[in-house]
Amino acid sequence: MGQIQSIDELIGLLLRRRLIIGLVTVLGIVATLFYVISKPDVFESTSVIQVQSPNVATTDETTTAPHEGSAQRLQTIQQQLTTRDNMLAVIKRHDLYVGLPLSDDEKVHLLRLALRFEPVASAATAAYGQSAEVSALLISAQAATRAQAARVANDFAQGILDAGADSQAEQLRQALSFFREEAARLQQQISSVTKELAVYQSQNLDALPAQRDALRTEMTGIETELRSLEQALVAARNDRAIIERKQVLRATDRRQLDSLIAQIETQSAQAEALQARRTEILAILSKAQDFDRTIDSYQRNLSQLQSQYAEVTRKSVSAETDAKLQDRQQSETFTLLERAAEPDYPITGGRRKLAMAGAIASLMFGVFVAFLLDHLRPILRTRTQLERELGLRPIVAIPEIKQARTGGRKWSGG
């Protein structure tokens, strides 16, 4: 505290600088009063929207469009309502900030600051993987007048009601249209794959499983017949060789030789025909693996398409049911539980407290100014200060002598 180190010195400072302290305090109080008086009133009004659960719940939990919780729906609608264009429309509709030198962006910013959306969580516990549910939404708006505050709050509440009904209906219509288009597309793909499978099977009838069994049986017979022909050809060639080794051929030998030659030619032709058929059958059986792989691919694709078609059909039926419930007002809906009323008192109350706080702050600032002036011009004023600062004990202390004013004229002797 510098030279002020005792209560007496503090009291002396306050008495000595009382004029400065009083002047600063009075100026501060006057400035506070002007601020309190010039401060505009701000009114706040609140409307309440109730979120009603569906009266009729669908039994299929995996159908319709992706389930959107009430909290997520309200957040989406809130973002739509607080866009710049919509805020400007609200400002124009309710004549907000008229006469203020503000740009459109500044007006939109002020309106966003004046709005407050407070969701009330539902008591029901949300299922795992689902978003939280909301039972009510409080919409508060602040404005310069009672009527404007109530109208703005009700305007946004009505906007949420309209957007909630429209968005849910539009979502259901889009979901129903999507599922129907998807069902038609899948049905067309199923028809196309079925036709391709039939054409492929007709082009490879000999590779069908039933036909392959017959070919294997035929293959067994061909191999047996080929072995018999080989044995007959070996015997006929041996007999022919024996006859051709004779030096002199009799007429009977010649006839037997001609018969053997004809037999060998016939049996050779039969063996070649059987061998060609055997090669053909082997070629058919060799491509059976490729045929089976292709058929399996067609069947897997067809099975997947049929499963998707069944799922889409089920979801389409559920979406149609939800659309009917929406038309009959049996699904989740928003209702205006309480309209915003004109408030009785502004929220900027407590002017008396603000004035008292300003007065106390002004007094403290005056004391601070007094300390500051005393610090800028340090003077030893008391015996204690002299002894403390210089270490010398004063012998005589002359008090301050004020000259008395006299109202009469001076007397001079003579």
Protein backbone atom coordinates (compact mmCIF):
# COMPACT_ATOMS: atom_id res chain seq x y z
CA MET A 1 0.00 0.00 0.00
CA GLY A 2 3.02 2.34 -0.16
CA GLN A 3 2.74 4.95 2.54
CA ILE A 4 -0.69 3.74 3.68
CA GLN A 5 0.16 1.08 6.21
CA SER A 6 -2.34 1.73 9.02
CA ILE A 7 -5.99 2.40 9.56
CA ASP A 8 -5.30 6.02 10.54
CA GLU A 9 -3.33 6.62 7.37
CA LEU A 10 -6.13 5.03 5.31
CA ILE A 11 -8.75 7.22 6.98
CA GLY A 12 -6.54 10.22 6.38
CA LEU A 13 -6.23 9.34 2.71
CA LEU A 14 -9.98 8.97 2.32
CA LEU A 15 -10.63 12.28 4.06
CA ARG A 16 -7.94 14.04 2.12
CA ARG A 17 -9.18 12.75 -1.27
CA ARG A 18 -12.86 12.82 -0.46
CA LEU A 19 -13.67 15.25 -3.22
CA ILE A 20 -12.05 13.07 -5.91
CA ILE A 21 -13.66 9.93 -4.52
CA GLY A 22 -17.06 11.61 -4.39
CA LEU A 23 -16.72 13.01 -7.91
CA VAL A 24 -15.73 9.66 -9.44
CA THR A 25 -18.50 7.90 -7.51
CA VAL A 26 -21.15 10.38 -8.65
CA LEU A 27 -20.01 10.17 -12.28
CA GLY A 28 -20.04 6.36 -12.13
CA ILE A 29 -23.53 6.30 -10.61
CA VAL A 30 -24.82 8.70 -13.27
CA ALA A 31 -23.27 6.59 -16.06
CA THR A 32 -24.77 3.43 -14.55
CA LEU A 33 -28.21 5.01 -14.35
CA PHE A 34 -28.00 6.17 -17.94
CA TYR A 35 -26.99 2.65 -19.02
CA VAL A 36 -29.79 1.02 -17.02
CA ILE A 37 -32.39 3.42 -18.35
CA SER A 38 -31.22 3.19 -21.97
CA LYS A 39 -30.95 -0.62 -21.90
CA PRO A 40 -33.86 -2.00 -23.97
CA ASP A 41 -36.21 -4.59 -22.57
CA VAL A 42 -35.97 -8.14 -23.90
CA PHE A 43 -38.95 -10.46 -23.71
CA GLU A 44 -38.85 -14.24 -24.04
CA SER A 45 -41.69 -16.61 -24.90
CA THR A 46 -41.69 -20.40 -25.16
CA SER A 47 -43.83 -22.88 -27.07
CA VAL A 48 -43.91 -26.62 -26.38
CA ILE A 49 -44.12 -29.37 -29.01
CA GLN A 50 -44.96 -32.91 -27.94
CA VAL A 51 -43.61 -35.93 -29.80
CA GLN A 52 -46.27 -38.62 -29.87
CA SER A 53 -45.19 -42.22 -30.34
CA PRO A 54 -46.92 -44.33 -32.99
CA ASN A 55 -50.35 -45.60 -31.93
CA VAL A 56 -49.90 -48.68 -34.13
CA ALA A 57 -46.44 -50.22 -34.24
CA THR A 58 -45.32 -52.25 -37.22
CA THR A 59 -44.27 -55.79 -36.44
CA ASP A 60 -41.38 -55.78 -38.89
CA GLU A 61 -38.50 -53.87 -37.36
CA THR A 62 -36.18 -54.19 -40.33
CA THR A 63 -38.43 -52.73 -42.97
CA THR A 64 -39.23 -49.33 -44.45
CA ALA A 65 -36.62 -46.67 -44.83
CA PRO A 66 -33.77 -46.54 -42.33
CA HIS A 67 -35.38 -45.75 -38.99
CA GLU A 68 -34.78 -42.15 -37.96
CA GLY A 69 -35.23 -41.34 -34.28
CA SER A 70 -37.27 -38.35 -33.16
CA ALA A 71 -34.12 -36.57 -31.95
CA GLN A 72 -32.49 -36.93 -35.34
CA ARG A 73 -35.67 -35.83 -37.13
CA LEU A 74 -36.01 -32.74 -34.95
CA GLN A 75 -32.36 -31.86 -35.47
CA THR A 76 -32.75 -32.12 -39.23
CA ILE A 77 -35.87 -29.95 -39.18
CA GLN A 78 -34.15 -27.41 -36.92
CA GLN A 79 -31.26 -27.13 -39.37
CA GLN A 80 -33.72 -26.57 -42.20
CA LEU A 81 -35.63 -23.87 -40.30
CA THR A 82 -32.49 -21.96 -39.29
CA THR A 83 -31.13 -21.56 -42.79
CA ARG A 84 -30.36 -18.02 -43.93
CA ASP A 85 -33.26 -17.75 -46.36
CA ASN A 86 -35.80 -19.02 -43.86
CA MET A 87 -34.47 -16.71 -41.11
CA LEU A 88 -34.72 -13.72 -43.44
CA ALA A 89 -38.30 -14.70 -44.25
CA VAL A 90 -39.14 -14.82 -40.51
CA ILE A 91 -37.50 -11.43 -39.95
CA LYS A 92 -39.52 -9.90 -42.78
CA ARG A 93 -42.74 -11.61 -41.72
CA HIS A 94 -42.60 -10.29 -38.14
CA ASP A 95 -40.89 -6.93 -38.79
CA LEU A 96 -37.89 -7.72 -36.62
CA TYR A 97 -34.98 -5.27 -36.18
CA VAL A 98 -36.83 -2.54 -38.06
CA GLY A 99 -34.94 0.76 -38.10
CA LEU A 100 -31.64 -0.77 -37.00
CA PRO A 101 -28.61 -0.15 -39.26
CA LEU A 102 -27.89 -3.87 -39.67
CA SER A 103 -27.11 -6.00 -42.70
CA ASP A 104 -29.05 -9.16 -43.50
CA ASP A 105 -26.28 -11.36 -42.15
CA GLU A 106 -26.20 -9.41 -38.88
CA LYS A 107 -29.97 -9.71 -38.51
CA VAL A 108 -29.79 -13.46 -39.14
CA HIS A 109 -27.04 -13.74 -36.52
CA LEU A 110 -29.10 -11.84 -33.95
CA LEU A 111 -32.15 -14.00 -34.60
CA ARG A 112 -30.11 -17.18 -34.22
CA LEU A 113 -28.82 -15.90 -30.89
CA ALA A 114 -32.38 -15.10 -29.83
CA LEU A 115 -33.61 -18.65 -30.55
CA ARG A 116 -33.20 -21.65 -28.29
CA PHE A 117 -34.29 -25.24 -28.97
CA GLU A 118 -34.33 -27.47 -25.89
CA PRO A 119 -35.24 -31.15 -26.44
CA VAL A 120 -36.68 -33.11 -23.54
CA ALA A 121 -35.39 -36.68 -23.53
CA SER A 122 -37.87 -39.50 -23.41
CA ALA A 123 -38.05 -41.69 -20.32
CA ALA A 124 -38.02 -44.79 -22.52
CA THR A 125 -34.60 -46.37 -23.03
CA ALA A 126 -33.47 -46.46 -26.65
CA ALA A 127 -32.59 -49.86 -28.07
CA TYR A 128 -28.97 -50.67 -28.85
CA GLY A 129 -27.88 -49.12 -32.12
CA GLN A 130 -30.82 -46.69 -32.28
CA SER A 131 -30.74 -42.94 -31.72
CA ALA A 132 -32.23 -41.35 -28.62
CA GLU A 133 -35.91 -40.49 -28.52
CA VAL A 134 -37.37 -37.12 -27.59
CA SER A 135 -40.68 -36.65 -25.79
CA ALA A 136 -40.97 -32.85 -26.18
CA LEU A 137 -39.23 -29.83 -27.63
CA LEU A 138 -39.16 -26.35 -26.06
CA ILE A 139 -38.80 -23.47 -28.54
CA SER A 140 -37.87 -20.14 -26.92
CA ALA A 141 -37.60 -16.83 -28.74
CA GLN A 142 -36.40 -13.45 -27.52
CA ALA A 143 -37.57 -10.15 -28.99
CA ALA A 144 -37.92 -6.48 -28.19
CA THR A 145 -41.69 -6.70 -27.60
CA ARG A 146 -44.01 -9.21 -25.99
CA ALA A 147 -45.96 -9.80 -29.19
CA GLN A 148 -42.88 -10.38 -31.33
CA ALA A 149 -41.43 -12.91 -28.88
CA ALA A 150 -44.68 -14.92 -28.87
CA ARG A 151 -45.16 -14.71 -32.65
CA VAL A 152 -41.59 -15.80 -33.45
CA ALA A 153 -41.76 -18.78 -31.07
CA ASN A 154 -45.13 -19.88 -32.51
CA ASP A 155 -43.83 -19.37 -36.05
CA PHE A 156 -40.93 -21.76 -35.53
CA ALA A 157 -43.18 -24.21 -33.68
CA GLN A 158 -45.60 -24.27 -36.62
CA GLY A 159 -42.66 -24.67 -38.98
CA ILE A 160 -41.54 -27.76 -37.08
CA LEU A 161 -45.07 -29.21 -37.19
CA ASP A 162 -45.37 -28.65 -40.94
CA ALA A 163 -41.86 -29.85 -41.71
CA GLY A 164 -42.30 -32.93 -39.50
CA ALA A 165 -45.45 -34.04 -41.29
CA ASP A 166 -44.11 -33.20 -44.75
CA SER A 167 -40.70 -34.78 -44.21
CA GLN A 168 -42.11 -38.02 -42.84
CA ALA A 169 -44.66 -38.31 -45.64
CA GLU A 170 -42.02 -37.50 -48.25
CA GLN A 171 -39.64 -40.02 -46.72
CA LEU A 172 -42.27 -42.73 -46.82
CA ARG A 173 -43.16 -41.88 -50.43
CA GLN A 174 -39.52 -42.02 -51.45
CA ALA A 175 -39.01 -45.32 -49.63
CA LEU A 176 -42.09 -46.87 -51.24
CA SER A 177 -41.07 -45.64 -54.70
CA PHE A 178 -37.53 -46.93 -54.22
CA PHE A 179 -38.64 -50.40 -53.10
CA ARG A 180 -41.08 -50.69 -55.98
CA GLU A 181 -38.44 -49.69 -58.52
CA GLU A 182 -35.96 -52.06 -56.93
CA ALA A 183 -38.49 -54.91 -57.01
CA ALA A 184 -39.16 -54.29 -60.73
CA ARG A 185 -35.43 -54.19 -61.47
CA LEU A 186 -34.75 -57.42 -59.58
CA GLN A 187 -37.68 -59.13 -61.27
CA GLN A 188 -36.30 -58.15 -64.65
CA GLN A 189 -32.86 -59.44 -63.73
CA ILE A 190 -34.35 -62.73 -62.50
CA SER A 191 -36.21 -63.14 -65.79
CA SER A 192 -33.07 -62.36 -67.78
CA VAL A 193 -30.90 -64.82 -65.84
CA THR A 194 -33.58 -67.53 -66.12
CA LYS A 195 -33.70 -67.10 -69.91
CA GLU A 196 -29.91 -67.22 -70.17
CA LEU A 197 -29.84 -70.40 -68.11
CA ALA A 198 -32.48 -72.05 -70.32
CA VAL A 199 -30.61 -71.09 -73.50
CA TYR A 200 -27.33 -72.41 -72.14
CA GLN A 201 -28.91 -75.71 -71.12
CA SER A 202 -30.58 -76.10 -74.53
CA GLN A 203 -27.23 -75.54 -76.23
CA ASN A 204 -25.56 -78.18 -74.05
CA LEU A 205 -28.20 -80.89 -73.71
CA ASP A 206 -25.62 -83.65 -74.05
CA ALA A 207 -23.79 -82.28 -70.99
CA LEU A 208 -26.80 -82.57 -68.72
CA PRO A 209 -26.35 -84.96 -65.77
CA ALA A 210 -28.96 -87.45 -67.07
CA GLN A 211 -27.41 -87.45 -70.53
CA ARG A 212 -23.97 -87.95 -69.05
CA ASP A 213 -25.08 -91.18 -67.34
CA ALA A 214 -26.30 -92.52 -70.66
CA LEU A 215 -23.01 -91.54 -72.32
CA ARG A 216 -21.01 -93.32 -69.64
CA THR A 217 -23.09 -96.46 -70.17
CA GLU A 218 -22.55 -96.15 -73.92
CA MET A 219 -18.84 -95.65 -73.30
CA THR A 220 -18.67 -98.90 -71.38
CA GLY A 221 -20.37 -100.78 -74.25
CA ILE A 222 -18.06 -99.19 -76.84
CA GLU A 223 -14.96 -100.19 -74.94
CA THR A 224 -16.25 -103.77 -74.59
CA GLU A 225 -17.04 -103.93 -78.31
CA LEU A 226 -13.66 -102.44 -79.18
CA ARG A 227 -11.92 -105.14 -77.21
CA SER A 228 -13.92 -107.83 -79.03
CA LEU A 229 -13.10 -106.31 -82.42
CA GLU A 230 -9.43 -106.11 -81.53
CA GLN A 231 -9.41 -109.80 -80.67
CA ALA A 232 -11.26 -110.69 -83.90
CA LEU A 233 -8.89 -108.53 -85.97
CA VAL A 234 -5.85 -110.19 -84.40
CA ALA A 235 -7.22 -113.64 -85.20
CA ALA A 236 -8.15 -112.69 -88.78
CA ARG A 237 -4.73 -111.13 -89.43
CA ASN A 238 -3.00 -114.26 -88.11
CA ASP A 239 -5.06 -116.51 -90.39
CA ARG A 240 -4.34 -114.23 -93.35
CA ALA A 241 -0.61 -114.32 -92.62
CA ILE A 242 -0.64 -118.13 -92.46
CA ILE A 243 -2.37 -118.39 -95.84
CA GLU A 244 -0.10 -115.80 -97.48
CA ARG A 245 2.99 -117.73 -96.37
CA LYS A 246 1.97 -120.78 -98.47
CA GLN A 247 3.94 -121.32 -101.69
CA VAL A 248 1.03 -122.52 -103.70
CA LEU A 249 -2.49 -121.26 -103.00
CA ARG A 250 -5.37 -123.50 -103.83
CA ALA A 251 -8.73 -122.22 -104.84
CA THR A 252 -10.08 -122.76 -101.34
CA ASP A 253 -7.14 -120.84 -99.91
CA ARG A 254 -7.83 -117.96 -102.26
CA ARG A 255 -11.49 -117.88 -101.30
CA GLN A 256 -10.57 -118.00 -97.60
CA LEU A 257 -7.98 -115.25 -98.10
CA ASP A 258 -10.51 -112.98 -99.84
CA SER A 259 -12.99 -113.64 -97.01
CA LEU A 260 -10.38 -112.76 -94.39
CA ILE A 261 -9.42 -109.57 -96.19
CA ALA A 262 -13.07 -108.50 -96.39
CA GLN A 263 -13.57 -109.38 -92.70
CA ILE A 264 -10.49 -107.39 -91.67
CA GLU A 265 -11.66 -104.35 -93.63
CA THR A 266 -15.14 -104.54 -92.14
CA GLN A 267 -13.93 -104.96 -88.59
CA SER A 268 -11.35 -102.16 -89.02
CA ALA A 269 -14.09 -99.81 -90.23
CA GLN A 270 -16.23 -100.77 -87.26
CA ALA A 271 -13.33 -100.17 -84.87
CA GLU A 272 -12.65 -96.75 -86.38
CA ALA A 273 -16.31 -95.79 -86.04
CA LEU A 274 -16.36 -96.93 -82.42
CA GLN A 275 -13.10 -95.11 -81.74
CA ALA A 276 -14.52 -91.87 -83.21
CA ARG A 277 -17.62 -92.22 -81.05
CA ARG A 278 -15.46 -92.89 -78.03
CA THR A 279 -13.45 -89.69 -78.72
CA GLU A 280 -16.69 -87.73 -79.11
CA ILE A 281 -18.03 -89.04 -75.82
CA LEU A 282 -14.76 -88.24 -74.05
CA ALA A 283 -14.93 -84.67 -75.40
CA ILE A 284 -18.49 -84.30 -74.14
CA LEU A 285 -17.61 -85.64 -70.70
CA SER A 286 -14.52 -83.44 -70.50
CA LYS A 287 -16.58 -80.26 -70.85
CA ALA A 288 -19.03 -81.43 -68.15
CA GLN A 289 -16.94 -79.71 -65.45
CA ASP A 290 -17.15 -76.37 -67.23
CA PHE A 291 -20.87 -76.94 -67.74
CA ASP A 292 -21.35 -77.65 -64.01
CA ARG A 293 -19.39 -74.54 -63.00
CA THR A 294 -21.43 -72.36 -65.36
CA ILE A 295 -24.71 -73.86 -64.16
CA ASP A 296 -23.67 -73.33 -60.51
CA SER A 297 -22.81 -69.69 -61.26
CA TYR A 298 -26.21 -69.14 -62.87
CA GLN A 299 -28.00 -70.78 -59.96
CA ARG A 300 -26.08 -68.80 -57.31
CA ASN A 301 -26.82 -65.55 -59.10
CA LEU A 302 -30.46 -66.53 -59.46
CA SER A 303 -30.69 -67.50 -55.79
CA GLN A 304 -29.19 -64.16 -54.67
CA LEU A 305 -31.56 -62.22 -56.89
CA GLN A 306 -34.54 -64.15 -55.57
CA SER A 307 -33.48 -63.51 -51.96
CA GLN A 308 -33.08 -59.79 -52.68
CA TYR A 309 -36.42 -59.71 -54.43
CA ALA A 310 -38.12 -61.36 -51.46
CA GLU A 311 -36.50 -58.87 -49.05
CA VAL A 312 -37.38 -55.85 -51.17
CA THR A 313 -40.94 -57.08 -51.58
CA ARG A 314 -41.28 -57.46 -47.83
CA LYS A 315 -39.93 -53.96 -47.23
CA SER A 316 -42.18 -52.54 -49.93
CA VAL A 317 -45.23 -54.01 -48.20
CA SER A 318 -44.08 -52.57 -44.86
CA ALA A 319 -43.44 -49.14 -46.41
CA GLU A 320 -46.92 -49.18 -47.89
CA THR A 321 -48.31 -50.02 -44.45
CA ASP A 322 -46.37 -47.15 -42.88
CA ALA A 323 -47.69 -44.79 -45.54
CA LYS A 324 -51.25 -45.82 -44.71
CA LEU A 325 -50.56 -45.29 -41.00
CA GLN A 326 -49.17 -41.86 -41.78
CA ASP A 327 -52.30 -40.97 -43.73
CA ARG A 328 -54.44 -42.07 -40.79
CA GLN A 329 -52.26 -40.18 -38.27
CA GLN A 330 -51.27 -43.40 -36.52
CA SER A 331 -47.50 -42.99 -36.83
CA GLU A 332 -45.09 -40.81 -34.87
CA THR A 333 -46.37 -37.21 -35.01
CA PHE A 334 -45.58 -33.76 -33.59
CA THR A 335 -48.33 -31.84 -31.84
CA LEU A 336 -48.36 -28.32 -30.40
CA LEU A 337 -48.81 -28.93 -26.69
CA GLU A 338 -48.58 -25.28 -25.60
CA ARG A 339 -48.58 -22.14 -27.71
CA ALA A 340 -46.22 -19.32 -26.81
CA ALA A 341 -48.02 -16.59 -24.90
CA GLU A 342 -47.00 -12.97 -24.48
CA PRO A 343 -44.77 -12.72 -21.38
CA ASP A 344 -45.74 -10.44 -18.52
CA TYR A 345 -42.23 -9.30 -17.60
CA PRO A 346 -38.98 -8.85 -19.53
CA ILE A 347 -36.08 -11.18 -18.86
CA THR A 348 -33.80 -8.15 -18.49
CA GLY A 349 -35.05 -7.39 -14.95
CA GLY A 350 -32.91 -6.63 -11.92
CA ARG A 351 -32.20 -2.98 -12.80
CA ARG A 352 -32.02 -2.10 -9.10
CA LYS A 353 -29.33 -4.70 -8.55
CA LEU A 354 -27.45 -3.45 -11.59
CA ALA A 355 -27.64 0.15 -10.28
CA MET A 356 -26.39 -0.89 -6.84
CA ALA A 357 -23.55 -2.87 -8.39
CA GLY A 358 -22.64 0.16 -10.52
CA ALA A 359 -22.63 2.41 -7.45
CA ILE A 360 -20.38 0.06 -5.50
CA ALA A 361 -18.05 -0.30 -8.48
CA SER A 362 -17.93 3.52 -8.87
CA LEU A 363 -17.04 3.95 -5.19
CA MET A 364 -14.28 1.35 -5.44
CA PHE A 365 -12.94 3.01 -8.57
CA GLY A 366 -12.93 6.39 -6.77
CA VAL A 367 -10.89 4.89 -3.94
CA PHE A 368 -8.52 3.41 -6.51
CA VAL A 369 -8.10 6.82 -8.15
CA ALA A 370 -7.34 8.32 -4.72
CA PHE A 371 -4.67 5.69 -4.08
CA LEU A 372 -3.24 6.28 -7.55
CA LEU A 373 -2.98 10.05 -7.04
CA ASP A 374 -1.37 9.59 -3.66
CA HIS A 375 1.12 7.14 -5.16
CA LEU A 376 2.05 9.50 -8.00
CA ARG A 377 2.78 12.34 -5.50
CA PRO A 378 4.29 10.77 -2.39
CA ILE A 379 4.49 13.19 0.57
CA LEU A 380 5.45 12.46 4.17
CA ARG A 381 2.48 13.78 6.06
CA THR A 382 2.73 12.30 9.55
CA ARG A 383 5.33 11.77 12.24
CA THR A 384 5.02 8.01 11.83
CA GLN A 385 5.71 8.16 8.10
CA LEU A 386 8.80 10.36 8.66
CA GLU A 387 10.19 8.03 11.28
CA ARG A 388 9.45 4.95 9.13
CA GLU A 389 10.94 6.34 5.93
CA LEU A 390 13.99 8.28 7.28
CA GLY A 391 14.65 6.51 10.55
CA LEU A 392 14.65 9.91 12.38
CA ARG A 393 12.43 10.85 15.27
CA PRO A 394 10.95 14.32 14.77
CA ILE A 395 11.30 16.81 17.67
CA VAL A 396 8.48 19.12 16.79
CA ALA A 397 5.36 18.50 14.64
CA ILE A 398 3.71 21.68 13.39
CA PRO A 399 0.08 21.09 12.48
CA GLU A 400 -1.49 22.55 9.36
CA ILE A 401 -2.62 26.10 10.13
CA LYS A 402 -5.54 27.37 8.12
CA GLN A 403 -5.94 31.11 7.83
CA ALA A 404 -9.27 32.23 9.19
CA ARG A 405 -11.37 34.48 7.05
CA THR A 406 -12.49 37.81 8.58
CA GLY A 407 -15.58 39.52 7.50
CA GLY A 408 -14.64 43.08 8.79
CA ARG A 409 -12.01 45.57 7.75
CA LYS A 410 -8.52 45.54 9.24
CA TRP A 411 -7.96 47.92 12.15
CA SER A 412 -4.86 50.03 12.12
CA GLY A 413 -3.74 52.01 15.12
CA GLY A 414 -2.49 55.46 14.82
